[in-house]
Amino acid sequence: MTQINSPAAFAARIKRVRNTHAKMARGYDAKVGRDGLIVFRPKRRRRSIAWRPLLLLIAAFFGFKVFVLMQIGEMAYQQRVDTLAAGGVAEQAGAYFMQIDPVTRAIAAQIAPLI
């Protein structure tokens, strides 16, 4: 026969209370049960993508491509991308991402008169 009030059962109960408290610190919902008792339950959190840093990274990448394209010119830029494409797997991946795309070309065309 197991004891209900054993030290191990008490420690397990304390652990459950602490885990529930930690979850509720991140938000909770309160609902009234059929018996009129108010029950608090932790909110379920869905993981989401941090959009702002991701968009800043993409903007910085396109800004870098536009800057390099404007500094060395389209012909020299394309020659360097072709050189990358002739390399290994990592270089080929770099060539794929660094190729001149319509967005890069359009941004460079808009900025070129200003510089």
C-alpha atoms as a PDB file:
ATOM      1  CA  MET A   1       0.000   0.000   0.000  1.00  0.00           C
ATOM      2  CA  THR A   2       1.411   3.402  -1.021  1.00  0.00           C
ATOM      3  CA  GLN A   3       1.142   6.296   1.304  1.00  0.00           C
ATOM      4  CA  ILE A   4      -0.728   9.317  -0.009  1.00  0.00           C
ATOM      5  CA  ASN A   5       1.150  11.707   2.249  1.00  0.00           C
ATOM      6  CA  SER A   6       4.640  10.384   1.490  1.00  0.00           C
ATOM      7  CA  PRO A   7       7.514  12.829   0.944  1.00  0.00           C
ATOM      8  CA  ALA A   8       7.783  11.712  -2.708  1.00  0.00           C
ATOM      9  CA  ALA A   9       4.097  12.443  -3.361  1.00  0.00           C
ATOM     10  CA  PHE A  10       4.450  15.853  -1.704  1.00  0.00           C
ATOM     11  CA  ALA A  11       7.537  16.666  -3.818  1.00  0.00           C
ATOM     12  CA  ALA A  12       5.698  15.629  -6.998  1.00  0.00           C
ATOM     13  CA  ARG A  13       2.759  17.835  -6.054  1.00  0.00           C
ATOM     14  CA  ILE A  14       5.052  20.826  -5.396  1.00  0.00           C
ATOM     15  CA  LYS A  15       6.716  20.243  -8.775  1.00  0.00           C
ATOM     16  CA  ARG A  16       3.306  20.272 -10.550  1.00  0.00           C
ATOM     17  CA  VAL A  17       2.313  23.490  -8.756  1.00  0.00           C
ATOM     18  CA  ARG A  18       5.591  25.208  -9.723  1.00  0.00           C
ATOM     19  CA  ASN A  19       5.291  24.104 -13.372  1.00  0.00           C
ATOM     20  CA  THR A  20       1.701  25.377 -13.532  1.00  0.00           C
ATOM     21  CA  HIS A  21       2.740  28.666 -11.925  1.00  0.00           C
ATOM     22  CA  ALA A  22       5.559  29.114 -14.442  1.00  0.00           C
ATOM     23  CA  LYS A  23       3.143  28.475 -17.324  1.00  0.00           C
ATOM     24  CA  MET A  24       0.593  30.918 -15.895  1.00  0.00           C
ATOM     25  CA  ALA A  25       3.249  33.620 -15.632  1.00  0.00           C
ATOM     26  CA  ARG A  26       3.163  33.696 -19.465  1.00  0.00           C
ATOM     27  CA  GLY A  27      -0.623  34.204 -19.546  1.00  0.00           C
ATOM     28  CA  TYR A  28      -3.765  32.424 -18.456  1.00  0.00           C
ATOM     29  CA  ASP A  29      -7.477  32.098 -19.122  1.00  0.00           C
ATOM     30  CA  ALA A  30     -10.126  32.202 -16.401  1.00  0.00           C
ATOM     31  CA  LYS A  31     -13.326  30.231 -16.843  1.00  0.00           C
ATOM     32  CA  VAL A  32     -16.276  29.636 -14.583  1.00  0.00           C
ATOM     33  CA  GLY A  33     -17.146  25.960 -14.234  1.00  0.00           C
ATOM     34  CA  ARG A  34     -20.619  24.476 -13.958  1.00  0.00           C
ATOM     35  CA  ASP A  35     -20.310  24.484 -10.196  1.00  0.00           C
ATOM     36  CA  GLY A  36     -19.518  28.223 -10.127  1.00  0.00           C
ATOM     37  CA  LEU A  37     -15.819  27.707  -9.363  1.00  0.00           C
ATOM     38  CA  ILE A  38     -13.413  29.977 -11.248  1.00  0.00           C
ATOM     39  CA  VAL A  39     -10.657  27.888 -12.815  1.00  0.00           C
ATOM     40  CA  PHE A  40      -7.439  29.402 -14.157  1.00  0.00           C
ATOM     41  CA  ARG A  41      -5.593  27.546 -16.906  1.00  0.00           C
ATOM     42  CA  PRO A  42      -2.369  28.543 -18.640  1.00  0.00           C
ATOM     43  CA  LYS A  43      -2.727  29.821 -22.208  1.00  0.00           C
ATOM     44  CA  ARG A  44      -1.264  27.662 -24.902  1.00  0.00           C
ATOM     45  CA  ARG A  45       1.496  29.442 -26.731  1.00  0.00           C
ATOM     46  CA  ARG A  46       2.083  28.945 -30.413  1.00  0.00           C
ATOM     47  CA  ARG A  47       5.565  29.534 -31.653  1.00  0.00           C
ATOM     48  CA  SER A  48       5.715  32.296 -34.179  1.00  0.00           C
ATOM     49  CA  ILE A  49       8.354  33.593 -36.523  1.00  0.00           C
ATOM     50  CA  ALA A  50      10.071  36.827 -35.559  1.00  0.00           C
ATOM     51  CA  TRP A  51       9.062  38.773 -38.668  1.00  0.00           C
ATOM     52  CA  ARG A  52      10.854  42.065 -38.041  1.00  0.00           C
ATOM     53  CA  PRO A  53      14.408  40.625 -37.826  1.00  0.00           C
ATOM     54  CA  LEU A  54      13.709  38.372 -40.810  1.00  0.00           C
ATOM     55  CA  LEU A  55      12.517  41.305 -42.932  1.00  0.00           C
ATOM     56  CA  LEU A  56      15.487  43.417 -41.842  1.00  0.00           C
ATOM     57  CA  LEU A  57      17.846  40.600 -42.848  1.00  0.00           C
ATOM     58  CA  ILE A  58      16.224  40.322 -46.287  1.00  0.00           C
ATOM     59  CA  ALA A  59      16.336  44.102 -46.772  1.00  0.00           C
ATOM     60  CA  ALA A  60      20.010  44.195 -45.766  1.00  0.00           C
ATOM     61  CA  PHE A  61      20.772  41.367 -48.201  1.00  0.00           C
ATOM     62  CA  PHE A  62      19.107  43.188 -51.104  1.00  0.00           C
ATOM     63  CA  GLY A  63      20.791  46.428 -50.037  1.00  0.00           C
ATOM     64  CA  PHE A  64      24.170  44.697 -50.140  1.00  0.00           C
ATOM     65  CA  LYS A  65      23.472  43.284 -53.592  1.00  0.00           C
ATOM     66  CA  VAL A  66      22.361  46.697 -54.893  1.00  0.00           C
ATOM     67  CA  PHE A  67      25.421  48.396 -53.386  1.00  0.00           C
ATOM     68  CA  VAL A  68      27.846  45.906 -54.984  1.00  0.00           C
ATOM     69  CA  LEU A  69      25.994  46.037 -58.310  1.00  0.00           C
ATOM     70  CA  MET A  70      26.187  49.817 -58.390  1.00  0.00           C
ATOM     71  CA  GLN A  71      29.857  49.915 -57.361  1.00  0.00           C
ATOM     72  CA  ILE A  72      31.303  47.440 -59.887  1.00  0.00           C
ATOM     73  CA  GLY A  73      28.737  47.576 -62.693  1.00  0.00           C
ATOM     74  CA  GLU A  74      26.434  44.969 -64.171  1.00  0.00           C
ATOM     75  CA  MET A  75      28.973  43.267 -66.468  1.00  0.00           C
ATOM     76  CA  ALA A  76      31.640  42.807 -63.777  1.00  0.00           C
ATOM     77  CA  TYR A  77      28.990  41.689 -61.283  1.00  0.00           C
ATOM     78  CA  GLN A  78      27.673  39.045 -63.680  1.00  0.00           C
ATOM     79  CA  GLN A  79      31.229  37.804 -64.369  1.00  0.00           C
ATOM     80  CA  ARG A  80      31.815  37.322 -60.645  1.00  0.00           C
ATOM     81  CA  VAL A  81      28.522  35.483 -60.238  1.00  0.00           C
ATOM     82  CA  ASP A  82      29.479  33.236 -63.176  1.00  0.00           C
ATOM     83  CA  THR A  83      32.824  32.532 -61.498  1.00  0.00           C
ATOM     84  CA  LEU A  84      30.979  31.542 -58.325  1.00  0.00           C
ATOM     85  CA  ALA A  85      28.639  29.266 -60.294  1.00  0.00           C
ATOM     86  CA  ALA A  86      31.651  27.327 -61.623  1.00  0.00           C
ATOM     87  CA  GLY A  87      32.825  26.474 -58.090  1.00  0.00           C
ATOM     88  CA  GLY A  88      31.737  23.911 -55.528  1.00  0.00           C
ATOM     89  CA  VAL A  89      28.352  23.422 -53.947  1.00  0.00           C
ATOM     90  CA  ALA A  90      28.700  26.343 -51.520  1.00  0.00           C
ATOM     91  CA  GLU A  91      29.846  28.660 -54.300  1.00  0.00           C
ATOM     92  CA  GLN A  92      26.956  27.557 -56.516  1.00  0.00           C
ATOM     93  CA  ALA A  93      24.515  28.330 -53.713  1.00  0.00           C
ATOM     94  CA  GLY A  94      26.129  31.761 -53.307  1.00  0.00           C
ATOM     95  CA  ALA A  95      25.859  32.352 -57.069  1.00  0.00           C
ATOM     96  CA  TYR A  96      22.170  31.437 -56.978  1.00  0.00           C
ATOM     97  CA  PHE A  97      21.412  33.949 -54.231  1.00  0.00           C
ATOM     98  CA  MET A  98      23.685  36.669 -55.615  1.00  0.00           C
ATOM     99  CA  GLN A  99      22.403  36.591 -59.200  1.00  0.00           C
ATOM    100  CA  ILE A 100      20.844  39.759 -60.523  1.00  0.00           C
ATOM    101  CA  ASP A 101      17.119  39.477 -60.014  1.00  0.00           C
ATOM    102  CA  PRO A 102      14.344  41.915 -61.027  1.00  0.00           C
ATOM    103  CA  VAL A 103      14.102  43.373 -57.498  1.00  0.00           C
ATOM    104  CA  THR A 104      17.826  44.127 -57.330  1.00  0.00           C
ATOM    105  CA  ARG A 105      17.834  45.591 -60.846  1.00  0.00           C
ATOM    106  CA  ALA A 106      14.788  47.795 -60.097  1.00  0.00           C
ATOM    107  CA  ILE A 107      16.216  49.118 -56.823  1.00  0.00           C
ATOM    108  CA  ALA A 108      19.558  49.863 -58.488  1.00  0.00           C
ATOM    109  CA  ALA A 109      17.779  51.720 -61.298  1.00  0.00           C
ATOM    110  CA  GLN A 110      15.872  53.843 -58.767  1.00  0.00           C
ATOM    111  CA  ILE A 111      18.949  54.687 -56.688  1.00  0.00           C
ATOM    112  CA  ALA A 112      21.444  55.228 -59.549  1.00  0.00           C
ATOM    113  CA  PRO A 113      20.202  58.737 -60.471  1.00  0.00           C
ATOM    114  CA  LEU A 114      20.480  59.823 -56.840  1.00  0.00           C
ATOM    115  CA  ILE A 115      24.164  58.938 -56.579  1.00  0.00           C
END
